[in-house]
Amino acid sequence: MNCEFCEGTTITRKVRKVHWFAHQLTIVDGVEAEVCQGCGERYYHATTLNAIDRMLQTGRQVVKEELRVQVVGMPA
């Protein structure tokens, strides 16, 4: 597959994905993605994203750790 941004070639890799589901941010390890070798852009198959949603919906995931993250806004 070719990257839509830089036209580089992608390769299949397991990555860490930041994923929003039900107003909650989760980091999921070991997600299969097509990653551009040129710019690093990631592409996920719909079946992969649906599988992550199902896993989070059923509560069957294994929580490895919890992180505290600040959310900040830019000044007006």
PDB file of N, CA and C in Angstrom:
ATOM      1  N   MET A   1       0.845  -1.174   0.000  1.00  0.00           N
ATOM      2  CA  MET A   1       0.000   0.000   0.000  1.00  0.00           C
ATOM      3  C   MET A   1       0.891   1.239   0.000  1.00  0.00           C
ATOM      4  N   ASN A   2       0.428   2.280  -0.657  1.00  0.00           N
ATOM      5  CA  ASN A   2       1.178   3.537  -0.683  1.00  0.00           C
ATOM      6  C   ASN A   2       0.523   4.559   0.232  1.00  0.00           C
ATOM      7  N   CYS A   3       1.342   5.345   0.901  1.00  0.00           N
ATOM      8  CA  CYS A   3       0.888   6.388   1.819  1.00  0.00           C
ATOM      9  C   CYS A   3       0.163   7.487   1.049  1.00  0.00           C
ATOM     10  N   GLU A   4      -0.961   7.952   1.596  1.00  0.00           N
ATOM     11  CA  GLU A   4      -1.723   9.032   0.975  1.00  0.00           C
ATOM     12  C   GLU A   4      -1.024  10.383   1.107  1.00  0.00           C
ATOM     13  N   PHE A   5      -0.100  10.505   2.063  1.00  0.00           N
ATOM     14  CA  PHE A   5       0.537  11.789   2.324  1.00  0.00           C
ATOM     15  C   PHE A   5       1.850  11.962   1.572  1.00  0.00           C
ATOM     16  N   CYS A   6       2.736  10.959   1.671  1.00  0.00           N
ATOM     17  CA  CYS A   6       4.063  11.121   1.061  1.00  0.00           C
ATOM     18  C   CYS A   6       4.319  10.118  -0.065  1.00  0.00           C
ATOM     19  N   GLU A   7       3.341   9.243  -0.328  1.00  0.00           N
ATOM     20  CA  GLU A   7       3.429   8.207  -1.358  1.00  0.00           C
ATOM     21  C   GLU A   7       4.495   7.154  -1.059  1.00  0.00           C
ATOM     22  N   GLY A   8       4.959   7.100   0.201  1.00  0.00           N
ATOM     23  CA  GLY A   8       5.904   6.065   0.603  1.00  0.00           C
ATOM     24  C   GLY A   8       5.220   4.716   0.702  1.00  0.00           C
ATOM     25  N   THR A   9       6.001   3.681   0.871  1.00  0.00           N
ATOM     26  CA  THR A   9       5.492   2.325   0.989  1.00  0.00           C
ATOM     27  C   THR A   9       5.207   2.011   2.442  1.00  0.00           C
ATOM     28  N   THR A  10       4.123   1.278   2.686  1.00  0.00           N
ATOM     29  CA  THR A  10       3.789   0.883   4.051  1.00  0.00           C
ATOM     30  C   THR A  10       4.176  -0.565   4.299  1.00  0.00           C
ATOM     31  N   ILE A  11       4.415  -0.870   5.570  1.00  0.00           N
ATOM     32  CA  ILE A  11       4.661  -2.250   5.986  1.00  0.00           C
ATOM     33  C   ILE A  11       3.769  -2.543   7.194  1.00  0.00           C
ATOM     34  N   THR A  12       3.423  -3.813   7.352  1.00  0.00           N
ATOM     35  CA  THR A  12       2.584  -4.225   8.467  1.00  0.00           C
ATOM     36  C   THR A  12       3.430  -4.326   9.726  1.00  0.00           C
ATOM     37  N   ARG A  13       2.945  -3.692  10.792  1.00  0.00           N
ATOM     38  CA  ARG A  13       3.642  -3.716  12.080  1.00  0.00           C
ATOM     39  C   ARG A  13       2.630  -3.781  13.213  1.00  0.00           C
ATOM     40  N   LYS A  14       3.087  -4.202  14.367  1.00  0.00           N
ATOM     41  CA  LYS A  14       2.301  -4.124  15.596  1.00  0.00           C
ATOM     42  C   LYS A  14       2.691  -2.828  16.284  1.00  0.00           C
ATOM     43  N   VAL A  15       1.705  -1.994  16.609  1.00  0.00           N
ATOM     44  CA  VAL A  15       1.962  -0.679  17.174  1.00  0.00           C
ATOM     45  C   VAL A  15       1.131  -0.465  18.435  1.00  0.00           C
ATOM     46  N   ARG A  16       1.427   0.621  19.120  1.00  0.00           N
ATOM     47  CA  ARG A  16       0.633   1.084  20.260  1.00  0.00           C
ATOM     48  C   ARG A  16      -0.315   2.145  19.715  1.00  0.00           C
ATOM     49  N   LYS A  17      -1.630   1.941  19.917  1.00  0.00           N
ATOM     50  CA  LYS A  17      -2.633   2.855  19.365  1.00  0.00           C
ATOM     51  C   LYS A  17      -3.364   3.598  20.466  1.00  0.00           C
ATOM     52  N   VAL A  18      -3.467   4.905  20.307  1.00  0.00           N
ATOM     53  CA  VAL A  18      -4.302   5.727  21.170  1.00  0.00           C
ATOM     54  C   VAL A  18      -5.712   5.644  20.594  1.00  0.00           C
ATOM     55  N   HIS A  19      -6.670   5.210  21.409  1.00  0.00           N
ATOM     56  CA  HIS A  19      -8.006   4.911  20.896  1.00  0.00           C
ATOM     57  C   HIS A  19      -9.075   5.512  21.805  1.00  0.00           C
ATOM     58  N   TRP A  20      -9.990   6.299  21.236  1.00  0.00           N
ATOM     59  CA  TRP A  20     -11.124   6.838  21.981  1.00  0.00           C
ATOM     60  C   TRP A  20     -12.316   5.915  21.813  1.00  0.00           C
ATOM     61  N   PHE A  21     -12.953   5.561  22.941  1.00  0.00           N
ATOM     62  CA  PHE A  21     -14.174   4.754  22.894  1.00  0.00           C
ATOM     63  C   PHE A  21     -15.037   5.139  24.085  1.00  0.00           C
ATOM     64  N   ALA A  22     -16.302   5.453  23.831  1.00  0.00           N
ATOM     65  CA  ALA A  22     -17.257   5.803  24.884  1.00  0.00           C
ATOM     66  C   ALA A  22     -16.715   6.917  25.784  1.00  0.00           C
ATOM     67  N   HIS A  23     -16.176   7.957  25.176  1.00  0.00           N
ATOM     68  CA  HIS A  23     -15.646   9.126  25.887  1.00  0.00           C
ATOM     69  C   HIS A  23     -14.481   8.800  26.811  1.00  0.00           C
ATOM     70  N   GLN A  24     -13.788   7.716  26.516  1.00  0.00           N
ATOM     71  CA  GLN A  24     -12.627   7.338  27.322  1.00  0.00           C
ATOM     72  C   GLN A  24     -11.442   7.071  26.405  1.00  0.00           C
ATOM     73  N   LEU A  25     -10.291   7.589  26.807  1.00  0.00           N
ATOM     74  CA  LEU A  25      -9.060   7.397  26.054  1.00  0.00           C
ATOM     75  C   LEU A  25      -8.349   6.158  26.572  1.00  0.00           C
ATOM     76  N   THR A  26      -7.989   5.257  25.662  1.00  0.00           N
ATOM     77  CA  THR A  26      -7.297   4.028  26.021  1.00  0.00           C
ATOM     78  C   THR A  26      -6.100   3.862  25.093  1.00  0.00           C
ATOM     79  N   ILE A  27      -4.998   3.348  25.617  1.00  0.00           N
ATOM     80  CA  ILE A  27      -3.841   3.011  24.801  1.00  0.00           C
ATOM     81  C   ILE A  27      -3.828   1.496  24.670  1.00  0.00           C
ATOM     82  N   VAL A  28      -3.833   1.012  23.435  1.00  0.00           N
ATOM     83  CA  VAL A  28      -3.908  -0.422  23.172  1.00  0.00           C
ATOM     84  C   VAL A  28      -2.586  -0.865  22.546  1.00  0.00           C
ATOM     85  N   ASP A  29      -1.922  -1.839  23.167  1.00  0.00           N
ATOM     86  CA  ASP A  29      -0.666  -2.385  22.650  1.00  0.00           C
ATOM     87  C   ASP A  29      -0.926  -3.523  21.672  1.00  0.00           C
ATOM     88  N   GLY A  30      -0.023  -3.706  20.728  1.00  0.00           N
ATOM     89  CA  GLY A  30      -0.062  -4.853  19.825  1.00  0.00           C
ATOM     90  C   GLY A  30      -1.104  -4.776  18.738  1.00  0.00           C
ATOM     91  N   VAL A  31      -1.440  -3.579  18.288  1.00  0.00           N
ATOM     92  CA  VAL A  31      -2.449  -3.392  17.245  1.00  0.00           C
ATOM     93  C   VAL A  31      -1.768  -3.454  15.878  1.00  0.00           C
ATOM     94  N   GLU A  32      -2.337  -4.232  14.976  1.00  0.00           N
ATOM     95  CA  GLU A  32      -1.771  -4.344  13.634  1.00  0.00           C
ATOM     96  C   GLU A  32      -2.140  -3.111  12.818  1.00  0.00           C
ATOM     97  N   ALA A  33      -1.130  -2.533  12.160  1.00  0.00           N
ATOM     98  CA  ALA A  33      -1.335  -1.348  11.324  1.00  0.00           C
ATOM     99  C   ALA A  33      -0.394  -1.401  10.135  1.00  0.00           C
ATOM    100  N   GLU A  34      -0.770  -0.685   9.094  1.00  0.00           N
ATOM    101  CA  GLU A  34       0.124  -0.442   7.975  1.00  0.00           C
ATOM    102  C   GLU A  34       0.834   0.867   8.298  1.00  0.00           C
ATOM    103  N   VAL A  35       2.158   0.842   8.384  1.00  0.00           N
ATOM    104  CA  VAL A  35       2.924   2.025   8.786  1.00  0.00           C
ATOM    105  C   VAL A  35       3.809   2.458   7.615  1.00  0.00           C
ATOM    106  N   CYS A  36       3.710   3.744   7.257  1.00  0.00           N
ATOM    107  CA  CYS A  36       4.513   4.277   6.158  1.00  0.00           C
ATOM    108  C   CYS A  36       5.978   4.321   6.562  1.00  0.00           C
ATOM    109  N   GLN A  37       6.831   3.791   5.719  1.00  0.00           N
ATOM    110  CA  GLN A  37       8.267   3.800   5.981  1.00  0.00           C
ATOM    111  C   GLN A  37       8.863   5.185   5.774  1.00  0.00           C
ATOM    112  N   GLY A  38       8.155   6.064   5.063  1.00  0.00           N
ATOM    113  CA  GLY A  38       8.661   7.406   4.803  1.00  0.00           C
ATOM    114  C   GLY A  38       8.319   8.393   5.900  1.00  0.00           C
ATOM    115  N   CYS A  39       7.025   8.524   6.210  1.00  0.00           N
ATOM    116  CA  CYS A  39       6.595   9.560   7.155  1.00  0.00           C
ATOM    117  C   CYS A  39       6.034   9.016   8.462  1.00  0.00           C
ATOM    118  N   GLY A  40       5.787   7.708   8.539  1.00  0.00           N
ATOM    119  CA  GLY A  40       5.291   7.120   9.777  1.00  0.00           C
ATOM    120  C   GLY A  40       3.779   7.119   9.929  1.00  0.00           C
ATOM    121  N   GLU A  41       3.054   7.643   8.944  1.00  0.00           N
ATOM    122  CA  GLU A  41       1.592   7.631   9.004  1.00  0.00           C
ATOM    123  C   GLU A  41       1.105   6.194   9.181  1.00  0.00           C
ATOM    124  N   ARG A  42       0.041   6.024   9.992  1.00  0.00           N
ATOM    125  CA  ARG A  42      -0.499   4.687  10.270  1.00  0.00           C
ATOM    126  C   ARG A  42      -1.879   4.526   9.669  1.00  0.00           C
ATOM    127  N   TYR A  43      -2.128   3.343   9.142  1.00  0.00           N
ATOM    128  CA  TYR A  43      -3.426   2.992   8.579  1.00  0.00           C
ATOM    129  C   TYR A  43      -3.915   1.737   9.277  1.00  0.00           C
ATOM    130  N   TYR A  44      -5.174   1.779   9.736  1.00  0.00           N
ATOM    131  CA  TYR A  44      -5.770   0.655  10.455  1.00  0.00           C
ATOM    132  C   TYR A  44      -6.934   0.106   9.640  1.00  0.00           C
ATOM    133  N   HIS A  45      -7.040  -1.204   9.570  1.00  0.00           N
ATOM    134  CA  HIS A  45      -8.167  -1.833   8.890  1.00  0.00           C
ATOM    135  C   HIS A  45      -9.417  -1.679   9.750  1.00  0.00           C
ATOM    136  N   ALA A  46     -10.568  -1.506   9.123  1.00  0.00           N
ATOM    137  CA  ALA A  46     -11.831  -1.342   9.845  1.00  0.00           C
ATOM    138  C   ALA A  46     -12.092  -2.527  10.768  1.00  0.00           C
ATOM    139  N   THR A  47     -11.736  -3.740  10.334  1.00  0.00           N
ATOM    140  CA  THR A  47     -11.963  -4.909  11.183  1.00  0.00           C
ATOM    141  C   THR A  47     -11.126  -4.831  12.460  1.00  0.00           C
ATOM    142  N   THR A  48      -9.932  -4.264  12.372  1.00  0.00           N
ATOM    143  CA  THR A  48      -9.079  -4.093  13.543  1.00  0.00           C
ATOM    144  C   THR A  48      -9.699  -3.087  14.507  1.00  0.00           C
ATOM    145  N   LEU A  49     -10.173  -1.957  13.993  1.00  0.00           N
ATOM    146  CA  LEU A  49     -10.790  -0.936  14.838  1.00  0.00           C
ATOM    147  C   LEU A  49     -12.073  -1.456  15.481  1.00  0.00           C
ATOM    148  N   ASN A  50     -12.856  -2.223  14.730  1.00  0.00           N
ATOM    149  CA  ASN A  50     -14.075  -2.814  15.280  1.00  0.00           C
ATOM    150  C   ASN A  50     -13.746  -3.818  16.388  1.00  0.00           C
ATOM    151  N   ALA A  51     -12.679  -4.580  16.212  1.00  0.00           N
ATOM    152  CA  ALA A  51     -12.268  -5.549  17.232  1.00  0.00           C
ATOM    153  C   ALA A  51     -11.845  -4.843  18.520  1.00  0.00           C
ATOM    154  N   ILE A  52     -11.162  -3.707  18.395  1.00  0.00           N
ATOM    155  CA  ILE A  52     -10.774  -2.926  19.574  1.00  0.00           C
ATOM    156  C   ILE A  52     -12.028  -2.415  20.288  1.00  0.00           C
ATOM    157  N   ASP A  53     -12.977  -1.877  19.540  1.00  0.00           N
ATOM    158  CA  ASP A  53     -14.226  -1.395  20.144  1.00  0.00           C
ATOM    159  C   ASP A  53     -14.959  -2.506  20.882  1.00  0.00           C
ATOM    160  N   ARG A  54     -15.048  -3.690  20.267  1.00  0.00           N
ATOM    161  CA  ARG A  54     -15.723  -4.823  20.915  1.00  0.00           C
ATOM    162  C   ARG A  54     -15.004  -5.222  22.202  1.00  0.00           C
ATOM    163  N   MET A  55     -13.678  -5.261  22.163  1.00  0.00           N
ATOM    164  CA  MET A  55     -12.893  -5.627  23.341  1.00  0.00           C
ATOM    165  C   MET A  55     -13.152  -4.632  24.479  1.00  0.00           C
ATOM    166  N   LEU A  56     -13.157  -3.344  24.168  1.00  0.00           N
ATOM    167  CA  LEU A  56     -13.370  -2.328  25.196  1.00  0.00           C
ATOM    168  C   LEU A  56     -14.808  -2.329  25.698  1.00  0.00           C
ATOM    169  N   GLN A  57     -15.745  -2.658  24.834  1.00  0.00           N
ATOM    170  CA  GLN A  57     -17.153  -2.686  25.212  1.00  0.00           C
ATOM    171  C   GLN A  57     -17.450  -3.835  26.174  1.00  0.00           C
ATOM    172  N   THR A  58     -16.806  -4.974  25.963  1.00  0.00           N
ATOM    173  CA  THR A  58     -17.078  -6.137  26.808  1.00  0.00           C
ATOM    174  C   THR A  58     -16.295  -6.103  28.118  1.00  0.00           C
ATOM    175  N   GLY A  59     -15.273  -5.237  28.197  1.00  0.00           N
ATOM    176  CA  GLY A  59     -14.483  -5.165  29.423  1.00  0.00           C
ATOM    177  C   GLY A  59     -13.525  -6.322  29.595  1.00  0.00           C
ATOM    178  N   ARG A  60     -13.219  -7.035  28.526  1.00  0.00           N
ATOM    179  CA  ARG A  60     -12.354  -8.220  28.608  1.00  0.00           C
ATOM    180  C   ARG A  60     -10.877  -7.917  28.426  1.00  0.00           C
ATOM    181  N   GLN A  61     -10.532  -6.663  28.310  1.00  0.00           N
ATOM    182  CA  GLN A  61      -9.130  -6.315  28.124  1.00  0.00           C
ATOM    183  C   GLN A  61      -8.357  -6.485  29.434  1.00  0.00           C
ATOM    184  N   VAL A  62      -7.065  -6.655  29.309  1.00  0.00           N
ATOM    185  CA  VAL A  62      -6.181  -6.753  30.458  1.00  0.00           C
ATOM    186  C   VAL A  62      -5.534  -5.377  30.648  1.00  0.00           C
ATOM    187  N   VAL A  63      -5.775  -4.768  31.790  1.00  0.00           N
ATOM    188  CA  VAL A  63      -5.197  -3.455  32.064  1.00  0.00           C
ATOM    189  C   VAL A  63      -3.774  -3.650  32.559  1.00  0.00           C
ATOM    190  N   LYS A  64      -2.821  -3.159  31.789  1.00  0.00           N
ATOM    191  CA  LYS A  64      -1.410  -3.296  32.130  1.00  0.00           C
ATOM    192  C   LYS A  64      -0.954  -2.210  33.089  1.00  0.00           C
ATOM    193  N   GLU A  65      -1.455  -1.012  32.886  1.00  0.00           N
ATOM    194  CA  GLU A  65      -1.095   0.110  33.743  1.00  0.00           C
ATOM    195  C   GLU A  65      -2.054   1.249  33.492  1.00  0.00           C
ATOM    196  N   GLU A  66      -2.081   2.202  34.409  1.00  0.00           N
ATOM    197  CA  GLU A  66      -2.876   3.404  34.229  1.00  0.00           C
ATOM    198  C   GLU A  66      -1.946   4.596  34.267  1.00  0.00           C
ATOM    199  N   LEU A  67      -2.217   5.568  33.403  1.00  0.00           N
ATOM    200  CA  LEU A  67      -1.418   6.782  33.308  1.00  0.00           C
ATOM    201  C   LEU A  67      -2.292   7.977  33.648  1.00  0.00           C
ATOM    202  N   ARG A  68      -1.709   8.963  34.276  1.00  0.00           N
ATOM    203  CA  ARG A  68      -2.412  10.212  34.531  1.00  0.00           C
ATOM    204  C   ARG A  68      -1.950  11.210  33.472  1.00  0.00           C
ATOM    205  N   VAL A  69      -2.909  11.826  32.785  1.00  0.00           N
ATOM    206  CA  VAL A  69      -2.580  12.720  31.678  1.00  0.00           C
ATOM    207  C   VAL A  69      -3.292  14.051  31.887  1.00  0.00           C
ATOM    208  N   GLN A  70      -2.581  15.147  31.684  1.00  0.00           N
ATOM    209  CA  GLN A  70      -3.177  16.474  31.758  1.00  0.00           C
ATOM    210  C   GLN A  70      -3.756  16.845  30.396  1.00  0.00           C
ATOM    211  N   VAL A  71      -4.879  17.540  30.414  1.00  0.00           N
ATOM    212  CA  VAL A  71      -5.449  18.093  29.203  1.00  0.00           C
ATOM    213  C   VAL A  71      -5.379  19.605  29.349  1.00  0.00           C
ATOM    214  N   VAL A  72      -4.710  20.278  28.433  1.00  0.00           N
ATOM    215  CA  VAL A  72      -4.531  21.723  28.504  1.00  0.00           C
ATOM    216  C   VAL A  72      -5.094  22.368  27.251  1.00  0.00           C
ATOM    217  N   GLY A  73      -5.511  23.609  27.387  1.00  0.00           N
ATOM    218  CA  GLY A  73      -6.032  24.352  26.249  1.00  0.00           C
ATOM    219  C   GLY A  73      -5.069  25.464  25.865  1.00  0.00           C
ATOM    220  N   MET A  74      -5.119  25.827  24.617  1.00  0.00           N
ATOM    221  CA  MET A  74      -4.315  26.941  24.124  1.00  0.00           C
ATOM    222  C   MET A  74      -4.971  28.248  24.569  1.00  0.00           C
ATOM    223  N   PRO A  75      -4.176  29.256  24.942  1.00  0.00           N
ATOM    224  CA  PRO A  75      -4.752  30.552  25.313  1.00  0.00           C
ATOM    225  C   PRO A  75      -5.472  31.186  24.130  1.00  0.00           C
ATOM    226  N   ALA A  76      -6.533  31.896  24.438  1.00  0.00           N
ATOM    227  CA  ALA A  76      -7.334  32.545  23.378  1.00  0.00           C
ATOM    228  C   ALA A  76      -6.625  33.744  22.802  1.00  0.00           C
TER     229      ALA A  76
END
